[in-house]
Amino acid sequence: MSTLVLTVREALRYKGREGQLAWAGHRLAGLGTLLFFVIHIADTALVTFKPEWYGVAIAIYKLPLFQVGEMLLMLAVIYHGVNGLRIILMDSIPTLWKKQREMTLGAFALTAVLYIPALYVMAGDALKQLYNVHLPGMG
């Protein structure tokens, strides 16, 4: 919890631009993914220790709030991966640090390009389950 507080506090304190957004986003995406893993391990353990509770957990995960959470998790995973690759590339080729702004904006753009189809599929599934609405191209 202290890591989350530190991330939020430092993100609000420093008035950076793209680099600061990338820094804060990378950490928040990592923490969000870690939270998902902890919850996933806990609910999977229910299968062994409390099988009747596992069905309840799965029913809770089908609620709209959790479906939105899944969409945010997908965004976090994609962004964390793309930004991590940007950092690796910039650390491997130090001359790219002169292009940090362009590299960061490129990471944001690539994240959006990769996220749009995933969001379309996930939102289409959510709309189908909740309202029986079918998006074009969704079966």
N, C-alpha and C. Protein backbone atom coordinates (compact mmCIF):
# COMPACT_ATOMS: atom_id res chain seq x y z
N MET A 1 0.83 -1.19 0.00
CA MET A 1 0.00 0.00 0.00
C MET A 1 0.87 1.25 0.00
N SER A 2 2.01 1.19 0.69
CA SER A 2 2.88 2.37 0.75
C SER A 2 3.44 2.70 -0.63
N THR A 3 3.64 1.69 -1.48
CA THR A 3 4.12 1.94 -2.83
C THR A 3 3.09 2.71 -3.64
N LEU A 4 1.83 2.36 -3.50
CA LEU A 4 0.76 3.07 -4.19
C LEU A 4 0.69 4.52 -3.72
N VAL A 5 0.76 4.72 -2.42
CA VAL A 5 0.72 6.08 -1.86
C VAL A 5 1.90 6.89 -2.38
N LEU A 6 3.09 6.29 -2.38
CA LEU A 6 4.29 6.97 -2.88
C LEU A 6 4.13 7.34 -4.36
N THR A 7 3.62 6.42 -5.15
CA THR A 7 3.43 6.68 -6.59
C THR A 7 2.48 7.84 -6.81
N VAL A 8 1.35 7.82 -6.14
CA VAL A 8 0.37 8.90 -6.31
C VAL A 8 0.93 10.22 -5.81
N ARG A 9 1.58 10.21 -4.65
CA ARG A 9 2.13 11.44 -4.09
C ARG A 9 3.19 12.05 -5.01
N GLU A 10 4.10 11.23 -5.51
CA GLU A 10 5.16 11.74 -6.38
C GLU A 10 4.60 12.18 -7.73
N ALA A 11 3.58 11.48 -8.23
CA ALA A 11 2.98 11.88 -9.50
C ALA A 11 2.32 13.25 -9.39
N LEU A 12 1.72 13.53 -8.24
CA LEU A 12 1.05 14.82 -8.04
C LEU A 12 2.04 15.94 -7.71
N ARG A 13 3.17 15.58 -7.11
CA ARG A 13 4.14 16.59 -6.68
C ARG A 13 4.92 17.16 -7.86
N TYR A 14 5.37 16.31 -8.75
CA TYR A 14 6.21 16.73 -9.86
C TYR A 14 5.33 17.15 -11.03
N LYS A 15 5.61 18.28 -11.60
CA LYS A 15 4.80 18.80 -12.71
C LYS A 15 5.44 18.49 -14.06
N GLY A 16 5.75 17.23 -14.28
CA GLY A 16 6.38 16.82 -15.52
C GLY A 16 5.38 16.74 -16.66
N ARG A 17 5.85 16.33 -17.78
CA ARG A 17 4.99 16.22 -18.95
C ARG A 17 4.82 14.75 -19.31
N GLU A 18 5.11 14.40 -20.54
CA GLU A 18 4.89 13.02 -20.99
C GLU A 18 5.69 12.01 -20.17
N GLY A 19 6.92 12.36 -19.86
CA GLY A 19 7.77 11.45 -19.10
C GLY A 19 7.19 11.14 -17.73
N GLN A 20 6.62 12.15 -17.08
CA GLN A 20 6.01 11.93 -15.76
C GLN A 20 4.75 11.08 -15.88
N LEU A 21 3.97 11.32 -16.92
CA LEU A 21 2.79 10.49 -17.14
C LEU A 21 3.19 9.04 -17.39
N ALA A 22 4.24 8.86 -18.18
CA ALA A 22 4.73 7.50 -18.46
C ALA A 22 5.20 6.83 -17.18
N TRP A 23 5.93 7.57 -16.35
CA TRP A 23 6.44 7.04 -15.08
C TRP A 23 5.30 6.61 -14.17
N ALA A 24 4.34 7.51 -13.96
CA ALA A 24 3.22 7.21 -13.07
C ALA A 24 2.35 6.09 -13.65
N GLY A 25 2.08 6.15 -14.95
CA GLY A 25 1.27 5.13 -15.59
C GLY A 25 1.90 3.75 -15.50
N HIS A 26 3.22 3.69 -15.68
CA HIS A 26 3.93 2.41 -15.62
C HIS A 26 3.79 1.79 -14.24
N ARG A 27 3.96 2.60 -13.21
CA ARG A 27 3.87 2.09 -11.85
C ARG A 27 2.43 1.70 -11.48
N LEU A 28 1.48 2.53 -11.84
CA LEU A 28 0.08 2.22 -11.53
C LEU A 28 -0.39 0.98 -12.30
N ALA A 29 0.04 0.85 -13.55
CA ALA A 29 -0.31 -0.33 -14.33
C ALA A 29 0.30 -1.58 -13.71
N GLY A 30 1.53 -1.48 -13.24
CA GLY A 30 2.17 -2.61 -12.58
C GLY A 30 1.47 -2.99 -11.29
N LEU A 31 1.09 -1.99 -10.50
CA LEU A 31 0.38 -2.26 -9.24
C LEU A 31 -1.01 -2.84 -9.50
N GLY A 32 -1.69 -2.34 -10.53
CA GLY A 32 -3.01 -2.89 -10.87
C GLY A 32 -2.92 -4.34 -11.31
N THR A 33 -1.90 -4.65 -12.09
CA THR A 33 -1.69 -6.03 -12.53
C THR A 33 -1.35 -6.93 -11.35
N LEU A 34 -0.52 -6.43 -10.44
CA LEU A 34 -0.18 -7.19 -9.23
C LEU A 34 -1.43 -7.45 -8.39
N LEU A 35 -2.29 -6.45 -8.25
CA LEU A 35 -3.54 -6.63 -7.51
C LEU A 35 -4.39 -7.74 -8.15
N PHE A 36 -4.47 -7.72 -9.47
CA PHE A 36 -5.22 -8.78 -10.16
C PHE A 36 -4.63 -10.15 -9.85
N PHE A 37 -3.31 -10.28 -9.90
CA PHE A 37 -2.68 -11.58 -9.62
C PHE A 37 -2.99 -12.06 -8.21
N VAL A 38 -2.95 -11.17 -7.25
CA VAL A 38 -3.25 -11.54 -5.86
C VAL A 38 -4.69 -12.03 -5.75
N ILE A 39 -5.63 -11.29 -6.34
CA ILE A 39 -7.03 -11.70 -6.31
C ILE A 39 -7.22 -13.03 -7.03
N HIS A 40 -6.56 -13.19 -8.16
CA HIS A 40 -6.68 -14.42 -8.95
C HIS A 40 -6.16 -15.62 -8.16
N ILE A 41 -5.05 -15.47 -7.49
CA ILE A 41 -4.51 -16.58 -6.69
C ILE A 41 -5.47 -16.91 -5.55
N ALA A 42 -6.01 -15.88 -4.91
CA ALA A 42 -6.94 -16.11 -3.80
C ALA A 42 -8.21 -16.82 -4.27
N ASP A 43 -8.79 -16.37 -5.39
CA ASP A 43 -10.03 -17.01 -5.82
C ASP A 43 -9.78 -18.41 -6.37
N THR A 44 -8.63 -18.64 -6.96
CA THR A 44 -8.31 -19.98 -7.44
C THR A 44 -8.11 -20.94 -6.27
N ALA A 45 -7.57 -20.44 -5.18
CA ALA A 45 -7.39 -21.26 -3.98
C ALA A 45 -8.74 -21.69 -3.41
N LEU A 46 -9.78 -20.91 -3.67
CA LEU A 46 -11.11 -21.27 -3.17
C LEU A 46 -11.59 -22.60 -3.74
N VAL A 47 -11.15 -22.94 -4.95
CA VAL A 47 -11.56 -24.20 -5.56
C VAL A 47 -11.20 -25.37 -4.65
N THR A 48 -10.03 -25.29 -4.04
CA THR A 48 -9.57 -26.37 -3.18
C THR A 48 -10.13 -26.27 -1.77
N PHE A 49 -10.11 -25.08 -1.21
CA PHE A 49 -10.44 -24.93 0.21
C PHE A 49 -11.93 -24.67 0.48
N LYS A 50 -12.59 -23.93 -0.37
CA LYS A 50 -14.02 -23.62 -0.20
C LYS A 50 -14.70 -23.62 -1.57
N PRO A 51 -14.93 -24.79 -2.15
CA PRO A 51 -15.50 -24.85 -3.50
C PRO A 51 -16.82 -24.09 -3.65
N GLU A 52 -17.64 -24.09 -2.60
CA GLU A 52 -18.93 -23.38 -2.70
C GLU A 52 -18.73 -21.87 -2.82
N TRP A 53 -17.65 -21.34 -2.29
CA TRP A 53 -17.37 -19.90 -2.39
C TRP A 53 -16.83 -19.53 -3.78
N TYR A 54 -16.21 -20.49 -4.44
CA TYR A 54 -15.65 -20.21 -5.76
C TYR A 54 -16.75 -19.80 -6.74
N GLY A 55 -17.87 -20.50 -6.72
CA GLY A 55 -18.99 -20.15 -7.58
C GLY A 55 -19.51 -18.76 -7.29
N VAL A 56 -19.52 -18.38 -6.03
CA VAL A 56 -19.94 -17.03 -5.64
C VAL A 56 -18.96 -16.00 -6.21
N ALA A 57 -17.66 -16.29 -6.11
CA ALA A 57 -16.64 -15.37 -6.64
C ALA A 57 -16.82 -15.19 -8.15
N ILE A 58 -17.06 -16.27 -8.86
CA ILE A 58 -17.24 -16.19 -10.32
C ILE A 58 -18.49 -15.36 -10.64
N ALA A 59 -19.55 -15.53 -9.88
CA ALA A 59 -20.76 -14.73 -10.10
C ALA A 59 -20.49 -13.25 -9.87
N ILE A 60 -19.69 -12.94 -8.86
CA ILE A 60 -19.34 -11.54 -8.60
C ILE A 60 -18.54 -10.96 -9.76
N TYR A 61 -17.65 -11.76 -10.34
CA TYR A 61 -16.82 -11.28 -11.44
C TYR A 61 -17.63 -10.97 -12.70
N LYS A 62 -18.85 -11.46 -12.78
CA LYS A 62 -19.70 -11.18 -13.95
C LYS A 62 -20.47 -9.87 -13.81
N LEU A 63 -20.33 -9.20 -12.66
CA LEU A 63 -21.00 -7.91 -12.46
C LEU A 63 -20.36 -6.84 -13.35
N PRO A 64 -21.14 -5.83 -13.75
CA PRO A 64 -20.61 -4.78 -14.64
C PRO A 64 -19.35 -4.10 -14.10
N LEU A 65 -19.27 -3.86 -12.81
CA LEU A 65 -18.09 -3.21 -12.24
C LEU A 65 -16.83 -4.02 -12.51
N PHE A 66 -16.92 -5.33 -12.38
CA PHE A 66 -15.77 -6.18 -12.63
C PHE A 66 -15.46 -6.28 -14.12
N GLN A 67 -16.47 -6.17 -14.97
CA GLN A 67 -16.20 -6.17 -16.41
C GLN A 67 -15.44 -4.91 -16.81
N VAL A 68 -15.79 -3.79 -16.22
CA VAL A 68 -15.03 -2.56 -16.46
C VAL A 68 -13.61 -2.74 -15.93
N GLY A 69 -13.49 -3.37 -14.77
CA GLY A 69 -12.17 -3.64 -14.20
C GLY A 69 -11.32 -4.51 -15.12
N GLU A 70 -11.94 -5.49 -15.77
CA GLU A 70 -11.21 -6.33 -16.73
C GLU A 70 -10.71 -5.51 -17.90
N MET A 71 -11.52 -4.57 -18.36
CA MET A 71 -11.11 -3.72 -19.47
C MET A 71 -9.93 -2.83 -19.05
N LEU A 72 -9.98 -2.32 -17.83
CA LEU A 72 -8.87 -1.51 -17.32
C LEU A 72 -7.62 -2.37 -17.11
N LEU A 73 -7.82 -3.61 -16.67
CA LEU A 73 -6.69 -4.52 -16.51
C LEU A 73 -6.01 -4.76 -17.85
N MET A 74 -6.80 -4.96 -18.89
CA MET A 74 -6.22 -5.17 -20.22
C MET A 74 -5.41 -3.95 -20.65
N LEU A 75 -5.95 -2.76 -20.40
CA LEU A 75 -5.21 -1.53 -20.72
C LEU A 75 -3.91 -1.48 -19.92
N ALA A 76 -3.97 -1.81 -18.64
CA ALA A 76 -2.78 -1.78 -17.79
C ALA A 76 -1.71 -2.74 -18.29
N VAL A 77 -2.11 -3.96 -18.65
CA VAL A 77 -1.15 -4.95 -19.12
C VAL A 77 -0.51 -4.51 -20.43
N ILE A 78 -1.33 -4.03 -21.36
CA ILE A 78 -0.79 -3.58 -22.65
C ILE A 78 0.16 -2.40 -22.44
N TYR A 79 -0.27 -1.39 -21.68
CA TYR A 79 0.57 -0.22 -21.47
C TYR A 79 1.87 -0.58 -20.75
N HIS A 80 1.77 -1.41 -19.71
CA HIS A 80 2.96 -1.78 -18.94
C HIS A 80 3.97 -2.49 -19.85
N GLY A 81 3.48 -3.36 -20.71
CA GLY A 81 4.37 -4.07 -21.63
C GLY A 81 5.00 -3.15 -22.67
N VAL A 82 4.19 -2.31 -23.29
CA VAL A 82 4.71 -1.39 -24.32
C VAL A 82 5.70 -0.40 -23.71
N ASN A 83 5.34 0.17 -22.57
CA ASN A 83 6.24 1.14 -21.94
C ASN A 83 7.51 0.45 -21.45
N GLY A 84 7.40 -0.77 -20.97
CA GLY A 84 8.59 -1.52 -20.57
C GLY A 84 9.53 -1.75 -21.74
N LEU A 85 8.96 -2.06 -22.90
CA LEU A 85 9.79 -2.22 -24.10
C LEU A 85 10.45 -0.90 -24.49
N ARG A 86 9.73 0.20 -24.32
CA ARG A 86 10.30 1.53 -24.61
C ARG A 86 11.50 1.78 -23.69
N ILE A 87 11.36 1.46 -22.43
CA ILE A 87 12.44 1.67 -21.47
C ILE A 87 13.64 0.79 -21.83
N ILE A 88 13.40 -0.48 -22.15
CA ILE A 88 14.48 -1.38 -22.53
C ILE A 88 15.20 -0.85 -23.77
N LEU A 89 14.44 -0.41 -24.76
CA LEU A 89 15.02 0.11 -26.00
C LEU A 89 15.87 1.35 -25.72
N MET A 90 15.35 2.25 -24.90
CA MET A 90 16.09 3.48 -24.61
C MET A 90 17.34 3.18 -23.76
N ASP A 91 17.26 2.21 -22.87
CA ASP A 91 18.44 1.84 -22.08
C ASP A 91 19.48 1.13 -22.94
N SER A 92 19.03 0.39 -23.95
CA SER A 92 19.94 -0.33 -24.83
C SER A 92 20.62 0.58 -25.85
N ILE A 93 19.93 1.62 -26.25
CA ILE A 93 20.46 2.58 -27.24
C ILE A 93 20.39 3.97 -26.62
N PRO A 94 21.43 4.36 -25.88
CA PRO A 94 21.39 5.61 -25.12
C PRO A 94 21.11 6.87 -25.95
N THR A 95 21.42 6.85 -27.23
CA THR A 95 21.13 8.04 -28.05
C THR A 95 19.63 8.30 -28.18
N LEU A 96 18.81 7.29 -27.90
CA LEU A 96 17.35 7.47 -27.98
C LEU A 96 16.82 8.35 -26.86
N TRP A 97 17.62 8.58 -25.80
CA TRP A 97 17.16 9.45 -24.72
C TRP A 97 16.94 10.87 -25.22
N LYS A 98 17.59 11.22 -26.30
CA LYS A 98 17.36 12.56 -26.89
C LYS A 98 15.97 12.64 -27.52
N LYS A 99 15.39 11.50 -27.78
CA LYS A 99 14.05 11.42 -28.39
C LYS A 99 13.02 10.89 -27.39
N GLN A 100 13.24 11.18 -26.11
CA GLN A 100 12.37 10.62 -25.07
C GLN A 100 10.91 11.02 -25.28
N ARG A 101 10.66 12.27 -25.61
CA ARG A 101 9.27 12.73 -25.81
C ARG A 101 8.60 11.95 -26.93
N GLU A 102 9.28 11.81 -28.06
CA GLU A 102 8.72 11.09 -29.19
C GLU A 102 8.51 9.60 -28.86
N MET A 103 9.48 9.04 -28.16
CA MET A 103 9.36 7.62 -27.78
C MET A 103 8.18 7.42 -26.83
N THR A 104 7.99 8.34 -25.90
CA THR A 104 6.89 8.23 -24.95
C THR A 104 5.55 8.39 -25.66
N LEU A 105 5.44 9.37 -26.53
CA LEU A 105 4.20 9.55 -27.29
C LEU A 105 3.94 8.35 -28.19
N GLY A 106 5.01 7.76 -28.73
CA GLY A 106 4.87 6.55 -29.53
C GLY A 106 4.35 5.39 -28.70
N ALA A 107 4.83 5.28 -27.46
CA ALA A 107 4.34 4.21 -26.57
C ALA A 107 2.86 4.41 -26.26
N PHE A 108 2.46 5.66 -26.03
CA PHE A 108 1.04 5.95 -25.80
C PHE A 108 0.21 5.57 -27.03
N ALA A 109 0.70 5.93 -28.20
CA ALA A 109 -0.04 5.65 -29.45
C ALA A 109 -0.12 4.14 -29.70
N LEU A 110 1.00 3.43 -29.52
CA LEU A 110 0.99 1.99 -29.74
C LEU A 110 0.06 1.29 -28.75
N THR A 111 0.03 1.77 -27.52
CA THR A 111 -0.89 1.23 -26.53
C THR A 111 -2.33 1.39 -27.01
N ALA A 112 -2.66 2.57 -27.51
CA ALA A 112 -4.02 2.81 -28.00
C ALA A 112 -4.35 1.89 -29.17
N VAL A 113 -3.42 1.75 -30.10
CA VAL A 113 -3.65 0.91 -31.28
C VAL A 113 -3.87 -0.55 -30.87
N LEU A 114 -3.11 -1.02 -29.90
CA LEU A 114 -3.26 -2.40 -29.45
C LEU A 114 -4.50 -2.59 -28.57
N TYR A 115 -4.89 -1.54 -27.87
CA TYR A 115 -6.01 -1.65 -26.93
C TYR A 115 -7.37 -1.58 -27.63
N ILE A 116 -7.48 -0.84 -28.69
CA ILE A 116 -8.79 -0.64 -29.35
C ILE A 116 -9.44 -1.97 -29.74
N PRO A 117 -8.74 -2.90 -30.41
CA PRO A 117 -9.43 -4.17 -30.73
C PRO A 117 -9.79 -4.99 -29.49
N ALA A 118 -8.92 -4.96 -28.49
CA ALA A 118 -9.22 -5.69 -27.26
C ALA A 118 -10.44 -5.10 -26.57
N LEU A 119 -10.51 -3.78 -26.52
CA LEU A 119 -11.66 -3.11 -25.92
C LEU A 119 -12.94 -3.42 -26.70
N TYR A 120 -12.85 -3.45 -28.00
CA TYR A 120 -14.02 -3.75 -28.83
C TYR A 120 -14.57 -5.14 -28.50
N VAL A 121 -13.68 -6.11 -28.40
CA VAL A 121 -14.11 -7.48 -28.09
C VAL A 121 -14.68 -7.56 -26.66
N MET A 122 -13.96 -6.96 -25.71
CA MET A 122 -14.40 -7.05 -24.31
C MET A 122 -15.70 -6.28 -24.09
N ALA A 123 -15.80 -5.08 -24.65
CA ALA A 123 -17.03 -4.29 -24.50
C ALA A 123 -18.19 -4.98 -25.22
N GLY A 124 -17.90 -5.58 -26.37
CA GLY A 124 -18.94 -6.31 -27.10
C GLY A 124 -19.48 -7.47 -26.29
N ASP A 125 -18.58 -8.18 -25.62
CA ASP A 125 -19.01 -9.30 -24.78
C ASP A 125 -19.83 -8.79 -23.59
N ALA A 126 -19.40 -7.69 -22.99
CA ALA A 126 -20.13 -7.12 -21.84
C ALA A 126 -21.52 -6.65 -22.28
N LEU A 127 -21.61 -5.98 -23.41
CA LEU A 127 -22.91 -5.50 -23.90
C LEU A 127 -23.83 -6.68 -24.23
N LYS A 128 -23.27 -7.73 -24.76
CA LYS A 128 -24.06 -8.92 -25.09
C LYS A 128 -24.62 -9.56 -23.82
N GLN A 129 -23.77 -9.69 -22.79
CA GLN A 129 -24.21 -10.30 -21.54
C GLN A 129 -25.23 -9.44 -20.80
N LEU A 130 -24.98 -8.13 -20.76
CA LEU A 130 -25.82 -7.25 -19.95
C LEU A 130 -27.12 -6.84 -20.65
N TYR A 131 -27.03 -6.51 -21.93
CA TYR A 131 -28.18 -5.91 -22.61
C TYR A 131 -28.61 -6.65 -23.88
N ASN A 132 -27.97 -7.79 -24.16
CA ASN A 132 -28.25 -8.56 -25.37
C ASN A 132 -28.06 -7.71 -26.63
N VAL A 133 -27.06 -6.82 -26.60
CA VAL A 133 -26.71 -5.99 -27.75
C VAL A 133 -25.50 -6.63 -28.42
N HIS A 134 -25.56 -6.78 -29.73
CA HIS A 134 -24.48 -7.41 -30.49
C HIS A 134 -23.79 -6.35 -31.34
N LEU A 135 -22.48 -6.19 -31.14
CA LEU A 135 -21.69 -5.27 -31.96
C LEU A 135 -21.41 -5.94 -33.30
N PRO A 136 -21.23 -5.15 -34.36
CA PRO A 136 -20.89 -5.73 -35.68
C PRO A 136 -19.61 -6.55 -35.60
N GLY A 137 -19.62 -7.72 -36.20
CA GLY A 137 -18.45 -8.58 -36.21
C GLY A 137 -18.35 -9.48 -35.01
N MET A 138 -19.28 -9.32 -34.06
CA MET A 138 -19.28 -10.17 -32.87
C MET A 138 -20.36 -11.21 -33.02
N GLY A 139 -20.01 -12.48 -32.78
CA GLY A 139 -20.96 -13.57 -32.96
C GLY A 139 -21.96 -13.73 -31.91
